């Protein structure tokens, strides 16, 4: 009964999380693309504190590869 009351909202939350995860996966591919310049990477690194922990790890990997950290 309780699940039925929240069922539609839970489905919407799950769909939202899936879309958000897909967004971050595309963003990870963009970060590892060599065409991403150092200036843009610096901006991403500055603002990475607001992103999920698992995403930050990938940004740090790229920043280390560029010798920024």
N, C-alpha and C. Protein backbone atom coordinates (compact mmCIF):
# COMPACT_ATOMS: atom_id res chain seq x y z
N UNK A 1 0.82 -1.19 0.00
CA UNK A 1 0.00 0.00 0.00
C UNK A 1 0.87 1.26 0.00
N UNK A 2 1.88 1.28 0.85
CA UNK A 2 2.75 2.44 0.93
C UNK A 2 3.52 2.61 -0.38
N UNK A 3 4.02 1.49 -0.92
CA UNK A 3 4.77 1.56 -2.17
C UNK A 3 3.88 2.07 -3.30
N UNK A 4 2.62 1.66 -3.30
CA UNK A 4 1.70 2.12 -4.34
C UNK A 4 1.52 3.62 -4.28
N UNK A 5 1.48 4.17 -3.08
CA UNK A 5 1.31 5.61 -2.91
C UNK A 5 2.52 6.37 -3.44
N UNK A 6 3.70 5.80 -3.28
CA UNK A 6 4.93 6.47 -3.71
C UNK A 6 5.49 5.90 -5.01
N UNK A 7 4.85 4.89 -5.56
CA UNK A 7 5.36 4.18 -6.73
C UNK A 7 5.74 5.08 -7.88
N UNK A 8 4.84 5.97 -8.30
CA UNK A 8 5.12 6.85 -9.42
C UNK A 8 6.27 7.81 -9.12
N UNK A 9 6.30 8.33 -7.91
CA UNK A 9 7.39 9.24 -7.53
C UNK A 9 8.72 8.51 -7.48
N UNK A 10 8.73 7.29 -6.98
CA UNK A 10 9.98 6.52 -6.94
C UNK A 10 10.47 6.22 -8.35
N UNK A 11 9.55 5.93 -9.24
CA UNK A 11 9.92 5.68 -10.63
C UNK A 11 10.53 6.93 -11.25
N UNK A 12 9.94 8.08 -10.98
CA UNK A 12 10.48 9.33 -11.51
C UNK A 12 11.87 9.61 -10.94
N UNK A 13 12.08 9.33 -9.67
CA UNK A 13 13.39 9.54 -9.04
C UNK A 13 14.42 8.63 -9.67
N UNK A 14 14.07 7.36 -9.88
CA UNK A 14 15.00 6.40 -10.49
C UNK A 14 15.36 6.82 -11.91
N UNK A 15 14.37 7.28 -12.68
CA UNK A 15 14.64 7.73 -14.04
C UNK A 15 15.54 8.96 -14.04
N UNK A 16 15.32 9.85 -13.11
CA UNK A 16 16.15 11.04 -13.00
C UNK A 16 17.60 10.66 -12.69
N UNK A 17 17.80 9.72 -11.78
CA UNK A 17 19.15 9.27 -11.44
C UNK A 17 19.83 8.63 -12.64
N UNK A 18 19.09 7.86 -13.42
CA UNK A 18 19.66 7.23 -14.61
C UNK A 18 20.12 8.29 -15.60
N UNK A 19 19.29 9.30 -15.83
CA UNK A 19 19.66 10.36 -16.76
C UNK A 19 20.89 11.13 -16.26
N UNK A 20 20.93 11.36 -14.96
CA UNK A 20 22.06 12.08 -14.38
C UNK A 20 23.34 11.27 -14.53
N UNK A 21 23.26 9.97 -14.33
CA UNK A 21 24.43 9.10 -14.47
C UNK A 21 24.91 9.09 -15.91
N UNK A 22 23.99 9.01 -16.86
CA UNK A 22 24.37 9.04 -18.28
C UNK A 22 25.04 10.37 -18.62
N UNK A 23 24.53 11.46 -18.07
CA UNK A 23 25.15 12.77 -18.29
C UNK A 23 26.60 12.77 -17.82
N UNK A 24 26.85 12.23 -16.63
CA UNK A 24 28.21 12.21 -16.11
C UNK A 24 29.12 11.29 -16.91
N UNK A 25 28.58 10.20 -17.44
CA UNK A 25 29.39 9.30 -18.26
C UNK A 25 29.83 10.02 -19.54
N UNK A 26 28.92 10.74 -20.18
CA UNK A 26 29.30 11.53 -21.35
C UNK A 26 30.34 12.58 -20.98
N UNK A 27 30.18 13.18 -19.84
CA UNK A 27 31.10 14.20 -19.37
C UNK A 27 32.50 13.60 -19.12
N UNK A 28 32.55 12.39 -18.62
CA UNK A 28 33.83 11.70 -18.41
C UNK A 28 34.54 11.49 -19.75
N UNK A 29 33.79 11.05 -20.76
CA UNK A 29 34.39 10.88 -22.09
C UNK A 29 34.95 12.21 -22.60
N UNK A 30 34.23 13.28 -22.36
CA UNK A 30 34.70 14.60 -22.80
C UNK A 30 35.96 15.01 -22.05
N UNK A 31 36.05 14.69 -20.78
CA UNK A 31 37.23 15.04 -20.00
C UNK A 31 38.47 14.31 -20.50
N UNK A 32 38.30 13.06 -20.91
CA UNK A 32 39.46 12.30 -21.40
C UNK A 32 39.78 12.58 -22.87
N UNK A 33 38.96 13.36 -23.53
CA UNK A 33 39.23 13.73 -24.91
C UNK A 33 40.38 14.74 -24.94
N UNK A 34 41.37 14.49 -25.73
CA UNK A 34 42.55 15.35 -25.77
C UNK A 34 42.24 16.75 -26.31
N UNK A 35 41.11 16.90 -26.98
CA UNK A 35 40.75 18.22 -27.52
C UNK A 35 40.30 19.19 -26.42
N UNK A 36 40.04 18.67 -25.24
CA UNK A 36 39.68 19.53 -24.12
C UNK A 36 40.93 20.29 -23.69
N UNK A 37 40.87 21.59 -23.76
CA UNK A 37 42.03 22.42 -23.46
C UNK A 37 42.30 22.55 -21.97
N UNK A 38 43.50 23.00 -21.67
CA UNK A 38 43.91 23.14 -20.27
C UNK A 38 43.10 24.22 -19.57
N UNK A 39 42.76 25.30 -20.26
CA UNK A 39 41.97 26.36 -19.61
C UNK A 39 40.60 25.83 -19.18
N UNK A 40 39.97 25.08 -20.05
CA UNK A 40 38.66 24.51 -19.72
C UNK A 40 38.81 23.48 -18.60
N UNK A 41 39.86 22.68 -18.63
CA UNK A 41 40.10 21.70 -17.59
C UNK A 41 40.33 22.38 -16.24
N UNK A 42 41.01 23.50 -16.24
CA UNK A 42 41.22 24.26 -15.00
C UNK A 42 39.87 24.69 -14.42
N UNK A 43 38.96 25.14 -15.26
CA UNK A 43 37.63 25.55 -14.80
C UNK A 43 36.86 24.36 -14.22
N UNK A 44 36.99 23.22 -14.86
CA UNK A 44 36.32 22.00 -14.36
C UNK A 44 36.88 21.61 -13.00
N UNK A 45 38.21 21.66 -12.87
CA UNK A 45 38.85 21.28 -11.61
C UNK A 45 38.43 22.24 -10.49
N UNK A 46 38.31 23.53 -10.79
CA UNK A 46 37.89 24.50 -9.77
C UNK A 46 36.49 24.20 -9.25
N UNK A 47 35.61 23.73 -10.12
CA UNK A 47 34.21 23.51 -9.76
C UNK A 47 33.87 22.06 -9.46
N UNK A 48 34.87 21.21 -9.35
CA UNK A 48 34.61 19.78 -9.19
C UNK A 48 34.09 19.43 -7.79
N UNK A 49 34.23 20.32 -6.84
CA UNK A 49 33.77 20.04 -5.47
C UNK A 49 32.27 19.82 -5.38
N UNK A 50 31.52 20.34 -6.32
CA UNK A 50 30.06 20.19 -6.29
C UNK A 50 29.60 18.91 -6.98
N UNK A 51 30.51 18.18 -7.57
CA UNK A 51 30.17 16.97 -8.32
C UNK A 51 30.27 15.74 -7.42
N UNK A 52 29.66 14.63 -7.85
CA UNK A 52 29.76 13.39 -7.07
C UNK A 52 31.21 12.89 -6.94
N UNK A 53 31.47 12.19 -5.87
CA UNK A 53 32.83 11.70 -5.58
C UNK A 53 33.37 10.82 -6.71
N UNK A 54 32.56 9.93 -7.24
CA UNK A 54 33.04 9.01 -8.29
C UNK A 54 33.42 9.78 -9.55
N UNK A 55 32.75 10.89 -9.81
CA UNK A 55 33.07 11.71 -10.98
C UNK A 55 34.37 12.49 -10.75
N UNK A 56 34.56 12.98 -9.53
CA UNK A 56 35.77 13.75 -9.19
C UNK A 56 37.03 12.94 -9.45
N UNK A 57 36.97 11.64 -9.21
CA UNK A 57 38.16 10.79 -9.41
C UNK A 57 38.64 10.87 -10.86
N UNK A 58 37.71 10.88 -11.81
CA UNK A 58 38.10 10.94 -13.21
C UNK A 58 38.68 12.30 -13.58
N UNK A 59 38.14 13.34 -13.01
CA UNK A 59 38.68 14.68 -13.26
C UNK A 59 40.10 14.77 -12.71
N UNK A 60 40.34 14.22 -11.54
CA UNK A 60 41.67 14.24 -10.93
C UNK A 60 42.66 13.43 -11.77
N UNK A 61 42.22 12.31 -12.31
CA UNK A 61 43.11 11.50 -13.17
C UNK A 61 43.59 12.33 -14.36
N UNK A 62 42.66 13.03 -15.01
CA UNK A 62 43.03 13.85 -16.17
C UNK A 62 43.93 15.00 -15.75
N UNK A 63 43.61 15.64 -14.63
CA UNK A 63 44.41 16.77 -14.18
C UNK A 63 45.84 16.31 -13.84
N UNK A 64 45.98 15.14 -13.25
CA UNK A 64 47.31 14.61 -12.96
C UNK A 64 48.06 14.30 -14.26
N UNK A 65 47.35 13.77 -15.25
CA UNK A 65 47.99 13.44 -16.53
C UNK A 65 48.50 14.70 -17.22
N UNK A 66 47.84 15.82 -16.99
CA UNK A 66 48.27 17.09 -17.58
C UNK A 66 49.29 17.81 -16.72
N UNK A 67 49.63 17.23 -15.56
CA UNK A 67 50.61 17.85 -14.67
C UNK A 67 50.06 19.03 -13.89
N UNK A 68 48.76 19.07 -13.71
CA UNK A 68 48.13 20.19 -13.01
C UNK A 68 48.04 19.95 -11.51
N UNK A 69 48.16 18.73 -11.11
CA UNK A 69 48.08 18.38 -9.68
C UNK A 69 49.34 17.63 -9.30
